[in-house]
PDB file of N, CA and C in Angstrom:
ATOM      1  N   PHE A   1      91.433 110.541  96.103  1.00  0.00           N
ATOM      2  CA  PHE A   1      91.357 110.402  97.543  1.00  0.00           C
ATOM      3  C   PHE A   1      91.751 111.732  98.141  1.00  0.00           C
ATOM      4  N   PRO A   2      90.799 112.580  98.477  1.00  0.00           N
ATOM      5  CA  PRO A   2      91.249 113.804  99.143  1.00  0.00           C
ATOM      6  C   PRO A   2      91.910 113.454 100.477  1.00  0.00           C
ATOM      7  N   ASN A   3      92.979 114.115 100.784  1.00  0.00           N
ATOM      8  CA  ASN A   3      93.695 113.839 102.017  1.00  0.00           C
ATOM      9  C   ASN A   3      94.150 115.166 102.618  1.00  0.00           C
ATOM     10  N   PRO A   4      93.559 115.608 103.736  1.00  0.00           N
ATOM     11  CA  PRO A   4      92.611 114.855 104.553  1.00  0.00           C
ATOM     12  C   PRO A   4      91.213 114.807 103.940  1.00  0.00           C
ATOM     13  N   THR A   5      90.419 113.871 104.458  1.00  0.00           N
ATOM     14  CA  THR A   5      89.040 113.726 104.020  1.00  0.00           C
ATOM     15  C   THR A   5      88.114 113.923 105.215  1.00  0.00           C
ATOM     16  N   SER A   6      86.896 114.315 104.941  1.00  0.00           N
ATOM     17  CA  SER A   6      85.913 114.464 106.017  1.00  0.00           C
ATOM     18  C   SER A   6      84.763 113.485 105.838  1.00  0.00           C
ATOM     19  N   GLY A   7      84.793 112.706 104.783  1.00  0.00           N
ATOM     20  CA  GLY A   7      83.709 111.759 104.518  1.00  0.00           C
ATOM     21  C   GLY A   7      83.978 110.968 103.261  1.00  0.00           C
ATOM     22  N   PRO A   8      83.110 111.115 102.253  1.00  0.00           N
ATOM     23  CA  PRO A   8      83.269 110.322 101.023  1.00  0.00           C
ATOM     24  C   PRO A   8      84.573 110.644 100.293  1.00  0.00           C
ATOM     25  N   SER A   9      85.233 109.594  99.831  1.00  0.00           N
ATOM     26  CA  SER A   9      86.478 109.742  99.083  1.00  0.00           C
ATOM     27  C   SER A   9      86.674 108.505  98.218  1.00  0.00           C
ATOM     28  N   GLN A  10      87.770 108.460  97.495  1.00  0.00           N
ATOM     29  CA  GLN A  10      88.079 107.314  96.649  1.00  0.00           C
ATOM     30  C   GLN A  10      89.539 106.914  96.823  1.00  0.00           C
ATOM     31  N   VAL A  11      89.761 105.607  96.761  1.00  0.00           N
ATOM     32  CA  VAL A  11      91.103 105.056  96.652  1.00  0.00           C
ATOM     33  C   VAL A  11      91.258 104.660  95.191  1.00  0.00           C
ATOM     34  N   VAL A  12      92.289 105.168  94.538  1.00  0.00           N
ATOM     35  CA  VAL A  12      92.525 104.892  93.119  1.00  0.00           C
ATOM     36  C   VAL A  12      93.832 104.121  93.000  1.00  0.00           C
ATOM     37  N   PHE A  13      93.797 103.010  92.251  1.00  0.00           N
ATOM     38  CA  PHE A  13      95.034 102.254  92.060  1.00  0.00           C
ATOM     39  C   PHE A  13      95.065 101.577  90.704  1.00  0.00           C
ATOM     40  N   VAL A  14      96.278 101.287  90.257  1.00  0.00           N
ATOM     41  CA  VAL A  14      96.549 100.520  89.041  1.00  0.00           C
ATOM     42  C   VAL A  14      97.597  99.488  89.424  1.00  0.00           C
ATOM     43  N   THR A  15      97.367  98.221  89.078  1.00  0.00           N
ATOM     44  CA  THR A  15      98.357  97.200  89.404  1.00  0.00           C
ATOM     45  C   THR A  15      99.287  96.948  88.219  1.00  0.00           C
ATOM     46  N   ALA A  16     100.484  96.514  88.540  1.00  0.00           N
ATOM     47  CA  ALA A  16     101.487  96.221  87.515  1.00  0.00           C
ATOM     48  C   ALA A  16     101.345  94.802  86.977  1.00  0.00           C
ATOM     49  N   GLU A  17     100.451  94.020  87.595  1.00  0.00           N
ATOM     50  CA  GLU A  17     100.275  92.628  87.195  1.00  0.00           C
ATOM     51  C   GLU A  17      98.818  92.221  87.366  1.00  0.00           C
ATOM     52  N   THR A  18      98.386  91.225  86.631  1.00  0.00           N
ATOM     53  CA  THR A  18      97.053  90.663  86.819  1.00  0.00           C
ATOM     54  C   THR A  18      97.137  89.645  87.943  1.00  0.00           C
ATOM     55  N   GLY A  19      96.192  89.707  88.869  1.00  0.00           N
ATOM     56  CA  GLY A  19      96.170  88.742  89.962  1.00  0.00           C
ATOM     57  C   GLY A  19      95.350  89.243  91.128  1.00  0.00           C
ATOM     58  N   ARG A  20      95.249  88.393  92.132  1.00  0.00           N
ATOM     59  CA  ARG A  20      94.486  88.706  93.334  1.00  0.00           C
ATOM     60  C   ARG A  20      95.058  89.958  93.984  1.00  0.00           C
ATOM     61  N   THR A  21      94.171  90.903  94.288  1.00  0.00           N
ATOM     62  CA  THR A  21      94.569  92.170  94.900  1.00  0.00           C
ATOM     63  C   THR A  21      93.659  92.435  96.089  1.00  0.00           C
ATOM     64  N   LEU A  22      94.247  92.873  97.169  1.00  0.00           N
ATOM     65  CA  LEU A  22      93.523  93.154  98.398  1.00  0.00           C
ATOM     66  C   LEU A  22      93.805  94.595  98.797  1.00  0.00           C
ATOM     67  N   VAL A  23      92.743  95.375  99.031  1.00  0.00           N
ATOM     68  CA  VAL A  23      92.890  96.754  99.506  1.00  0.00           C
ATOM     69  C   VAL A  23      92.099  96.866 100.805  1.00  0.00           C
ATOM     70  N   GLU A  24      92.798  97.202 101.884  1.00  0.00           N
ATOM     71  CA  GLU A  24      92.186  97.270 103.209  1.00  0.00           C
ATOM     72  C   GLU A  24      92.492  98.609 103.867  1.00  0.00           C
ATOM     73  N   VAL A  25      91.626  98.993 104.808  1.00  0.00           N
ATOM     74  CA  VAL A  25      91.820 100.208 105.598  1.00  0.00           C
ATOM     75  C   VAL A  25      92.005  99.792 107.056  1.00  0.00           C
ATOM     76  N   TYR A  26      93.029 100.364 107.691  1.00  0.00           N
ATOM     77  CA  TYR A  26      93.346 100.075 109.088  1.00  0.00           C
ATOM     78  C   TYR A  26      93.424 101.366 109.884  1.00  0.00           C
ATOM     79  N   ASP A  27      93.116 101.257 111.194  1.00  0.00           N
ATOM     80  CA  ASP A  27      93.395 102.395 112.061  1.00  0.00           C
ATOM     81  C   ASP A  27      94.839 102.267 112.545  1.00  0.00           C
ATOM     82  N   MET A  28      95.307 103.232 113.285  1.00  0.00           N
ATOM     83  CA  MET A  28      96.708 103.239 113.709  1.00  0.00           C
ATOM     84  C   MET A  28      97.010 102.192 114.782  1.00  0.00           C
ATOM     85  N   SER A  29      95.971 101.543 115.319  1.00  0.00           N
ATOM     86  CA  SER A  29      96.177 100.440 116.260  1.00  0.00           C
ATOM     87  C   SER A  29      96.316  99.108 115.537  1.00  0.00           C
ATOM     88  N   GLY A  30      96.166  99.138 114.211  1.00  0.00           N
ATOM     89  CA  GLY A  30      96.278  97.917 113.424  1.00  0.00           C
ATOM     90  C   GLY A  30      94.975  97.171 113.236  1.00  0.00           C
ATOM     91  N   ARG A  31      93.867  97.758 113.679  1.00  0.00           N
ATOM     92  CA  ARG A  31      92.560  97.115 113.498  1.00  0.00           C
ATOM     93  C   ARG A  31      92.067  97.330 112.079  1.00  0.00           C
ATOM     94  N   ASN A  32      91.583  96.260 111.470  1.00  0.00           N
ATOM     95  CA  ASN A  32      91.026  96.351 110.124  1.00  0.00           C
ATOM     96  C   ASN A  32      89.678  97.046 110.208  1.00  0.00           C
ATOM     97  N   ILE A  33      89.552  98.187 109.527  1.00  0.00           N
ATOM     98  CA  ILE A  33      88.306  98.948 109.509  1.00  0.00           C
ATOM     99  C   ILE A  33      87.380  98.407 108.433  1.00  0.00           C
ATOM    100  N   THR A  34      87.926  98.156 107.251  1.00  0.00           N
ATOM    101  CA  THR A  34      87.124  97.627 106.149  1.00  0.00           C
ATOM    102  C   THR A  34      88.036  97.073 105.064  1.00  0.00           C
ATOM    103  N   THR A  35      87.477  96.185 104.265  1.00  0.00           N
ATOM    104  CA  THR A  35      88.144  95.694 103.063  1.00  0.00           C
ATOM    105  C   THR A  35      87.429  96.315 101.879  1.00  0.00           C
ATOM    106  N   LEU A  36      88.161  97.076 101.077  1.00  0.00           N
ATOM    107  CA  LEU A  36      87.569  97.777  99.939  1.00  0.00           C
ATOM    108  C   LEU A  36      87.589  96.945  98.665  1.00  0.00           C
ATOM    109  N   PHE A  37      88.534  96.017  98.556  1.00  0.00           N
ATOM    110  CA  PHE A  37      88.706  95.258  97.310  1.00  0.00           C
ATOM    111  C   PHE A  37      89.378  93.945  97.657  1.00  0.00           C
ATOM    112  N   ASN A  38      88.818  92.834  97.182  1.00  0.00           N
ATOM    113  CA  ASN A  38      89.412  91.520  97.417  1.00  0.00           C
ATOM    114  C   ASN A  38      89.026  90.619  96.251  1.00  0.00           C
ATOM    115  N   GLN A  39      89.693  90.823  95.141  1.00  0.00           N
ATOM    116  CA  GLN A  39      89.389  90.056  93.934  1.00  0.00           C
ATOM    117  C   GLN A  39      90.535  90.201  92.944  1.00  0.00           C
ATOM    118  N   GLU A  40      90.379  89.595  91.783  1.00  0.00           N
ATOM    119  CA  GLU A  40      91.419  89.713  90.762  1.00  0.00           C
ATOM    120  C   GLU A  40      91.366  91.089  90.124  1.00  0.00           C
ATOM    121  N   ALA A  41      92.525  91.705  90.013  1.00  0.00           N
ATOM    122  CA  ALA A  41      92.653  92.992  89.324  1.00  0.00           C
ATOM    123  C   ALA A  41      93.418  92.757  88.025  1.00  0.00           C
ATOM    124  N   GLN A  42      93.029  93.473  87.003  1.00  0.00           N
ATOM    125  CA  GLN A  42      93.679  93.351  85.701  1.00  0.00           C
ATOM    126  C   GLN A  42      94.835  94.337  85.593  1.00  0.00           C
ATOM    127  N   ARG A  43      95.958  93.870  85.101  1.00  0.00           N
ATOM    128  CA  ARG A  43      97.157  94.694  84.927  1.00  0.00           C
ATOM    129  C   ARG A  43      96.835  95.927  84.083  1.00  0.00           C
ATOM    130  N   GLY A  44      97.245  97.101  84.584  1.00  0.00           N
ATOM    131  CA  GLY A  44      97.099  98.342  83.837  1.00  0.00           C
ATOM    132  C   GLY A  44      95.731  98.996  83.923  1.00  0.00           C
ATOM    133  N   HIS A  45      94.748  98.325  84.517  1.00  0.00           N
ATOM    134  CA  HIS A  45      93.402  98.893  84.641  1.00  0.00           C
ATOM    135  C   HIS A  45      93.347  99.803  85.871  1.00  0.00           C
ATOM    136  N   GLU A  46      92.715 100.972  85.728  1.00  0.00           N
ATOM    137  CA  GLU A  46      92.555 101.879  86.866  1.00  0.00           C
ATOM    138  C   GLU A  46      91.285 101.525  87.625  1.00  0.00           C
ATOM    139  N   TYR A  47      91.424 101.307  88.918  1.00  0.00           N
ATOM    140  CA  TYR A  47      90.296 100.996  89.798  1.00  0.00           C
ATOM    141  C   TYR A  47      90.049 102.192  90.707  1.00  0.00           C
ATOM    142  N   ARG A  48      88.774 102.527  90.896  1.00  0.00           N
ATOM    143  CA  ARG A  48      88.367 103.611  91.796  1.00  0.00           C
ATOM    144  C   ARG A  48      87.423 103.016  92.832  1.00  0.00           C
ATOM    145  N   LEU A  49      87.851 103.006  94.073  1.00  0.00           N
ATOM    146  CA  LEU A  49      87.089 102.395  95.154  1.00  0.00           C
ATOM    147  C   LEU A  49      86.517 103.483  96.050  1.00  0.00           C
ATOM    148  N   ASP A  50      85.213 103.469  96.230  1.00  0.00           N
ATOM    149  CA  ASP A  50      84.570 104.444  97.109  1.00  0.00           C
ATOM    150  C   ASP A  50      84.804 104.074  98.564  1.00  0.00           C
ATOM    151  N   PHE A  51      85.083 105.088  99.360  1.00  0.00           N
ATOM    152  CA  PHE A  51      85.291 104.907 100.792  1.00  0.00           C
ATOM    153  C   PHE A  51      84.656 106.083 101.508  1.00  0.00           C
ATOM    154  N   ASN A  52      83.828 105.792 102.514  1.00  0.00           N
ATOM    155  CA  ASN A  52      83.195 106.855 103.281  1.00  0.00           C
ATOM    156  C   ASN A  52      83.644 106.751 104.731  1.00  0.00           C
ATOM    157  N   GLY A  53      84.475 107.686 105.148  1.00  0.00           N
ATOM    158  CA  GLY A  53      84.987 107.693 106.511  1.00  0.00           C
ATOM    159  C   GLY A  53      84.201 108.573 107.459  1.00  0.00           C
ATOM    160  N   ALA A  54      83.003 108.994 107.058  1.00  0.00           N
ATOM    161  CA  ALA A  54      82.217 109.932 107.872  1.00  0.00           C
ATOM    162  C   ALA A  54      81.906 109.387 109.261  1.00  0.00           C
ATOM    163  N   ALA A  55      81.748 108.075 109.395  1.00  0.00           N
ATOM    164  CA  ALA A  55      81.396 107.493 110.690  1.00  0.00           C
ATOM    165  C   ALA A  55      82.621 107.237 111.569  1.00  0.00           C
ATOM    166  N   LEU A  56      83.807 107.427 111.027  1.00  0.00           N
ATOM    167  CA  LEU A  56      85.032 107.179 111.788  1.00  0.00           C
ATOM    168  C   LEU A  56      85.472 108.439 112.528  1.00  0.00           C
ATOM    169  N   PRO A  57      86.121 108.267 113.674  1.00  0.00           N
ATOM    170  CA  PRO A  57      86.629 109.440 114.387  1.00  0.00           C
ATOM    171  C   PRO A  57      87.804 110.076 113.647  1.00  0.00           C
ATOM    172  N   ASN A  58      88.036 111.350 113.926  1.00  0.00           N
ATOM    173  CA  ASN A  58      89.197 112.039 113.363  1.00  0.00           C
ATOM    174  C   ASN A  58      90.463 111.265 113.700  1.00  0.00           C
ATOM    175  N   GLY A  59      91.404 111.285 112.789  1.00  0.00           N
ATOM    176  CA  GLY A  59      92.671 110.619 113.052  1.00  0.00           C
ATOM    177  C   GLY A  59      93.358 110.176 111.786  1.00  0.00           C
ATOM    178  N   VAL A  60      94.478 109.495 111.976  1.00  0.00           N
ATOM    179  CA  VAL A  60      95.272 108.981 110.865  1.00  0.00           C
ATOM    180  C   VAL A  60      94.927 107.513 110.664  1.00  0.00           C
ATOM    181  N   TYR A  61      94.767 107.132 109.416  1.00  0.00           N
ATOM    182  CA  TYR A  61      94.436 105.767 109.024  1.00  0.00           C
ATOM    183  C   TYR A  61      95.407 105.324 107.933  1.00  0.00           C
ATOM    184  N   ILE A  62      95.396 104.040 107.667  1.00  0.00           N
ATOM    185  CA  ILE A  62      96.282 103.461 106.654  1.00  0.00           C
ATOM    186  C   ILE A  62      95.440 102.681 105.664  1.00  0.00           C
ATOM    187  N   TYR A  63      95.759 102.829 104.380  1.00  0.00           N
ATOM    188  CA  TYR A  63      95.217 101.861 103.440  1.00  0.00           C
ATOM    189  C   TYR A  63      96.379 101.058 102.896  1.00  0.00           C
ATOM    190  N   ARG A  64      96.122  99.758 102.742  1.00  0.00           N
ATOM    191  CA  ARG A  64      97.163  98.833 102.299  1.00  0.00           C
ATOM    192  C   ARG A  64      96.667  98.059 101.091  1.00  0.00           C
ATOM    193  N   MET A  65      97.437  98.108 100.015  1.00  0.00           N
ATOM    194  CA  MET A  65      97.138  97.327  98.819  1.00  0.00           C
ATOM    195  C   MET A  65      98.172  96.213  98.728  1.00  0.00           C
ATOM    196  N   THR A  66      97.702  94.972  98.634  1.00  0.00           N
ATOM    197  CA  THR A  66      98.583  93.820  98.578  1.00  0.00           C
ATOM    198  C   THR A  66      98.295  93.012  97.321  1.00  0.00           C
ATOM    199  N   THR A  67      99.348  92.726  96.550  1.00  0.00           N
ATOM    200  CA  THR A  67      99.261  91.816  95.412  1.00  0.00           C
ATOM    201  C   THR A  67     100.245  90.682  95.682  1.00  0.00           C
ATOM    202  N   GLN A  68     100.368  89.781  94.738  1.00  0.00           N
ATOM    203  CA  GLN A  68     101.277  88.652  94.921  1.00  0.00           C
ATOM    204  C   GLN A  68     102.724  89.108  95.097  1.00  0.00           C
ATOM    205  N   ASN A  69     103.103  90.202  94.441  1.00  0.00           N
ATOM    206  CA  ASN A  69     104.508  90.612  94.447  1.00  0.00           C
ATOM    207  C   ASN A  69     104.804  91.941  95.123  1.00  0.00           C
ATOM    208  N   GLU A  70     103.787  92.643  95.614  1.00  0.00           N
ATOM    209  CA  GLU A  70     104.070  93.932  96.246  1.00  0.00           C
ATOM    210  C   GLU A  70     103.011  94.294  97.273  1.00  0.00           C
ATOM    211  N   THR A  71     103.428  95.131  98.209  1.00  0.00           N
ATOM    212  CA  THR A  71     102.521  95.718  99.186  1.00  0.00           C
ATOM    213  C   THR A  71     102.793  97.213  99.209  1.00  0.00           C
ATOM    214  N   ILE A  72     101.726  97.993  99.075  1.00  0.00           N
ATOM    215  CA  ILE A  72     101.837  99.449  99.117  1.00  0.00           C
ATOM    216  C   ILE A  72     101.016  99.938 100.297  1.00  0.00           C
ATOM    217  N   ILE A  73     101.627 100.770 101.129  1.00  0.00           N
ATOM    218  CA  ILE A  73     100.962 101.306 102.317  1.00  0.00           C
ATOM    219  C   ILE A  73     101.004 102.821 102.243  1.00  0.00           C
ATOM    220  N   GLU A  74      99.851 103.442 102.439  1.00  0.00           N
ATOM    221  CA  GLU A  74      99.745 104.904 102.435  1.00  0.00           C
ATOM    222  C   GLU A  74      98.921 105.340 103.638  1.00  0.00           C
ATOM    223  N   LYS A  75      99.263 106.481 104.197  1.00  0.00           N
ATOM    224  CA  LYS A  75      98.495 107.061 105.300  1.00  0.00           C
ATOM    225  C   LYS A  75      97.543 108.111 104.756  1.00  0.00           C
ATOM    226  N   PHE A  76      96.409 108.249 105.432  1.00  0.00           N
ATOM    227  CA  PHE A  76      95.492 109.340 105.130  1.00  0.00           C
ATOM    228  C   PHE A  76      94.858 109.799 106.432  1.00  0.00           C
ATOM    229  N   MET A  77      94.287 110.983 106.403  1.00  0.00           N
ATOM    230  CA  MET A  77      93.727 111.578 107.609  1.00  0.00           C
ATOM    231  C   MET A  77      92.244 111.855 107.428  1.00  0.00           C
ATOM    232  N   ILE A  78      91.492 111.579 108.490  1.00  0.00           N
ATOM    233  CA  ILE A  78      90.091 111.989 108.549  1.00  0.00           C
ATOM    234  C   ILE A  78      90.031 113.177 109.494  1.00  0.00           C
ATOM    235  N   ALA A  79      89.530 114.292 108.986  1.00  0.00           N
ATOM    236  CA  ALA A  79      89.416 115.527 109.768  1.00  0.00           C
ATOM    237  C   ALA A  79      88.079 116.162 109.435  1.00  0.00           C
ATOM    238  N   LYS A  80      87.215 116.250 110.445  1.00  0.00           N
ATOM    239  CA  LYS A  80      85.874 116.817 110.219  1.00  0.00           C
ATOM    240  C   LYS A  80      85.773 118.200 110.810  1.00  0.00           C
TER     241      LYS A  80
END
């Protein structure tokens, strides 16, 4: 995930447990921009999710990964 990004990028994650995993992108107002992943993830497997922010305005965004036992939130920037 290049940060900042100007367009195509990837979100890469590995979960510590097998189970339902949700990866979403939000703007700073809390609006859901897109859901990148909403299915079962296997423990220890590396997932690479394509994300293209080219149509979004410049600014700071959040991606949130949620599993049954943890939530990880990271900020990233779109700068064209």
